[in-house]
Amino acid sequence: ISVIPGINNAISDAHQFAKLLCEHQIKDVELVHYQDLGKRKYEDFQIPDMLAENFSHDPTHLAEYANVLRGYGLNVTVPLQ
């Protein structure tokens, strides 16, 4: 799951993902931070980057997100920064 600021990074989103994964009997989950790799393209094409203002890597928040998923019995991995 790519955790995207302002899109699906709320704790309530973690609960929804967990329920969906459990419904489909998926047990293994990897969380990844959203990568701002398209920033240059937004600049090149002079398009406003709607995610830029929300972009941040908060390892504490991702750990909380992972703990919610683990609470549903899912095996969660979080790659190192």
C-alpha atoms as a PDB file:
ATOM      1  CA  ILE A   1       0.000   0.000   0.000  1.00  0.00           C
ATOM      2  CA  SER A   2       1.425   3.343  -1.003  1.00  0.00           C
ATOM      3  CA  VAL A   3       0.428   5.720   1.797  1.00  0.00           C
ATOM      4  CA  ILE A   4      -0.286   9.056   0.118  1.00  0.00           C
ATOM      5  CA  PRO A   5      -0.622  12.246   2.192  1.00  0.00           C
ATOM      6  CA  GLY A   6      -4.089  13.741   1.961  1.00  0.00           C
ATOM      7  CA  ILE A   7      -5.376  10.761  -0.043  1.00  0.00           C
ATOM      8  CA  ASN A   8      -5.208   7.592   2.068  1.00  0.00           C
ATOM      9  CA  ASN A   9      -2.969   8.342   5.057  1.00  0.00           C
ATOM     10  CA  ALA A  10      -5.699   8.764   7.690  1.00  0.00           C
ATOM     11  CA  ILE A  11      -5.962   6.135  10.395  1.00  0.00           C
ATOM     12  CA  SER A  12      -9.550   5.547   9.241  1.00  0.00           C
ATOM     13  CA  ASP A  13      -8.091   4.596   5.843  1.00  0.00           C
ATOM     14  CA  ALA A  14      -5.900   1.998   7.544  1.00  0.00           C
ATOM     15  CA  HIS A  15      -9.008   0.441   9.096  1.00  0.00           C
ATOM     16  CA  GLN A  16     -10.745   0.354   5.709  1.00  0.00           C
ATOM     17  CA  PHE A  17      -7.724  -1.240   4.026  1.00  0.00           C
ATOM     18  CA  ALA A  18      -7.504  -3.807   6.817  1.00  0.00           C
ATOM     19  CA  LYS A  19     -11.161  -4.776   6.455  1.00  0.00           C
ATOM     20  CA  LEU A  20     -10.822  -5.088   2.683  1.00  0.00           C
ATOM     21  CA  LEU A  21      -7.661  -7.183   2.921  1.00  0.00           C
ATOM     22  CA  CYS A  22      -9.205  -9.481   5.510  1.00  0.00           C
ATOM     23  CA  GLU A  23     -12.321  -9.940   3.359  1.00  0.00           C
ATOM     24  CA  HIS A  24     -10.078 -11.165   0.558  1.00  0.00           C
ATOM     25  CA  GLN A  25      -7.965 -13.308   2.893  1.00  0.00           C
ATOM     26  CA  ILE A  26      -4.794 -11.340   2.191  1.00  0.00           C
ATOM     27  CA  LYS A  27      -2.409 -11.616   5.116  1.00  0.00           C
ATOM     28  CA  ASP A  28       0.817  -9.933   3.988  1.00  0.00           C
ATOM     29  CA  VAL A  29       1.033  -6.183   3.453  1.00  0.00           C
ATOM     30  CA  GLU A  30       3.913  -3.846   2.696  1.00  0.00           C
ATOM     31  CA  LEU A  31       3.485  -0.154   3.433  1.00  0.00           C
ATOM     32  CA  VAL A  32       5.489   2.325   1.411  1.00  0.00           C
ATOM     33  CA  HIS A  33       5.773   6.087   1.610  1.00  0.00           C
ATOM     34  CA  TYR A  34       4.471   8.105  -1.280  1.00  0.00           C
ATOM     35  CA  GLN A  35       7.390   9.092  -3.502  1.00  0.00           C
ATOM     36  CA  ASP A  36       7.348  12.555  -5.012  1.00  0.00           C
ATOM     37  CA  LEU A  37       9.071  11.404  -8.210  1.00  0.00           C
ATOM     38  CA  GLY A  38       6.750  13.380 -10.470  1.00  0.00           C
ATOM     39  CA  LYS A  39       7.618  16.765  -8.970  1.00  0.00           C
ATOM     40  CA  ARG A  40       9.912  17.660 -11.849  1.00  0.00           C
ATOM     41  CA  LYS A  41       7.204  16.884 -14.420  1.00  0.00           C
ATOM     42  CA  TYR A  42       4.739  19.157 -12.649  1.00  0.00           C
ATOM     43  CA  GLU A  43       7.335  21.927 -12.782  1.00  0.00           C
ATOM     44  CA  ASP A  44       8.222  21.256 -16.446  1.00  0.00           C
ATOM     45  CA  PHE A  45       4.583  21.349 -17.539  1.00  0.00           C
ATOM     46  CA  GLN A  46       3.690  24.185 -15.150  1.00  0.00           C
ATOM     47  CA  ILE A  47       0.935  22.142 -13.569  1.00  0.00           C
ATOM     48  CA  PRO A  48       0.078  22.731  -9.902  1.00  0.00           C
ATOM     49  CA  ASP A  49       1.200  19.831  -7.734  1.00  0.00           C
ATOM     50  CA  MET A  50      -1.814  19.247  -5.512  1.00  0.00           C
ATOM     51  CA  LEU A  51       0.081  16.827  -3.256  1.00  0.00           C
ATOM     52  CA  ALA A  52       3.101  19.058  -2.633  1.00  0.00           C
ATOM     53  CA  GLU A  53       1.560  20.858   0.321  1.00  0.00           C
ATOM     54  CA  ASN A  54       0.683  17.549   2.014  1.00  0.00           C
ATOM     55  CA  PHE A  55       3.956  15.807   1.226  1.00  0.00           C
ATOM     56  CA  SER A  56       5.801  14.605   4.303  1.00  0.00           C
ATOM     57  CA  HIS A  57       7.374  11.437   5.609  1.00  0.00           C
ATOM     58  CA  ASP A  58       6.387  10.863   9.190  1.00  0.00           C
ATOM     59  CA  PRO A  59       7.772   7.500  10.317  1.00  0.00           C
ATOM     60  CA  THR A  60       5.757   7.703  13.543  1.00  0.00           C
ATOM     61  CA  HIS A  61       2.527   8.025  11.582  1.00  0.00           C
ATOM     62  CA  LEU A  62       3.428   5.128   9.296  1.00  0.00           C
ATOM     63  CA  ALA A  63       4.181   3.010  12.380  1.00  0.00           C
ATOM     64  CA  GLU A  64       0.727   3.841  13.790  1.00  0.00           C
ATOM     65  CA  TYR A  65      -0.811   2.995  10.430  1.00  0.00           C
ATOM     66  CA  ALA A  66       1.017  -0.347  10.448  1.00  0.00           C
ATOM     67  CA  ASN A  67      -0.150  -1.078  13.991  1.00  0.00           C
ATOM     68  CA  VAL A  68      -3.776  -0.620  12.952  1.00  0.00           C
ATOM     69  CA  LEU A  69      -3.287  -3.206  10.205  1.00  0.00           C
ATOM     70  CA  ARG A  70      -1.500  -5.549  12.615  1.00  0.00           C
ATOM     71  CA  GLY A  71      -4.478  -5.241  14.946  1.00  0.00           C
ATOM     72  CA  TYR A  72      -6.491  -7.052  12.273  1.00  0.00           C
ATOM     73  CA  GLY A  73      -3.981  -9.908  12.223  1.00  0.00           C
ATOM     74  CA  LEU A  74      -2.147  -8.776   9.106  1.00  0.00           C
ATOM     75  CA  ASN A  75       1.595  -9.290   8.638  1.00  0.00           C
ATOM     76  CA  VAL A  76       2.895  -5.798   7.899  1.00  0.00           C
ATOM     77  CA  THR A  77       6.335  -4.743   6.729  1.00  0.00           C
ATOM     78  CA  VAL A  78       7.537  -1.174   6.480  1.00  0.00           C
ATOM     79  CA  PRO A  79      10.706  -0.607   4.450  1.00  0.00           C
ATOM     80  CA  LEU A  80      13.466   1.542   5.888  1.00  0.00           C
ATOM     81  CA  GLN A  81      13.541   5.173   4.850  1.00  0.00           C
END
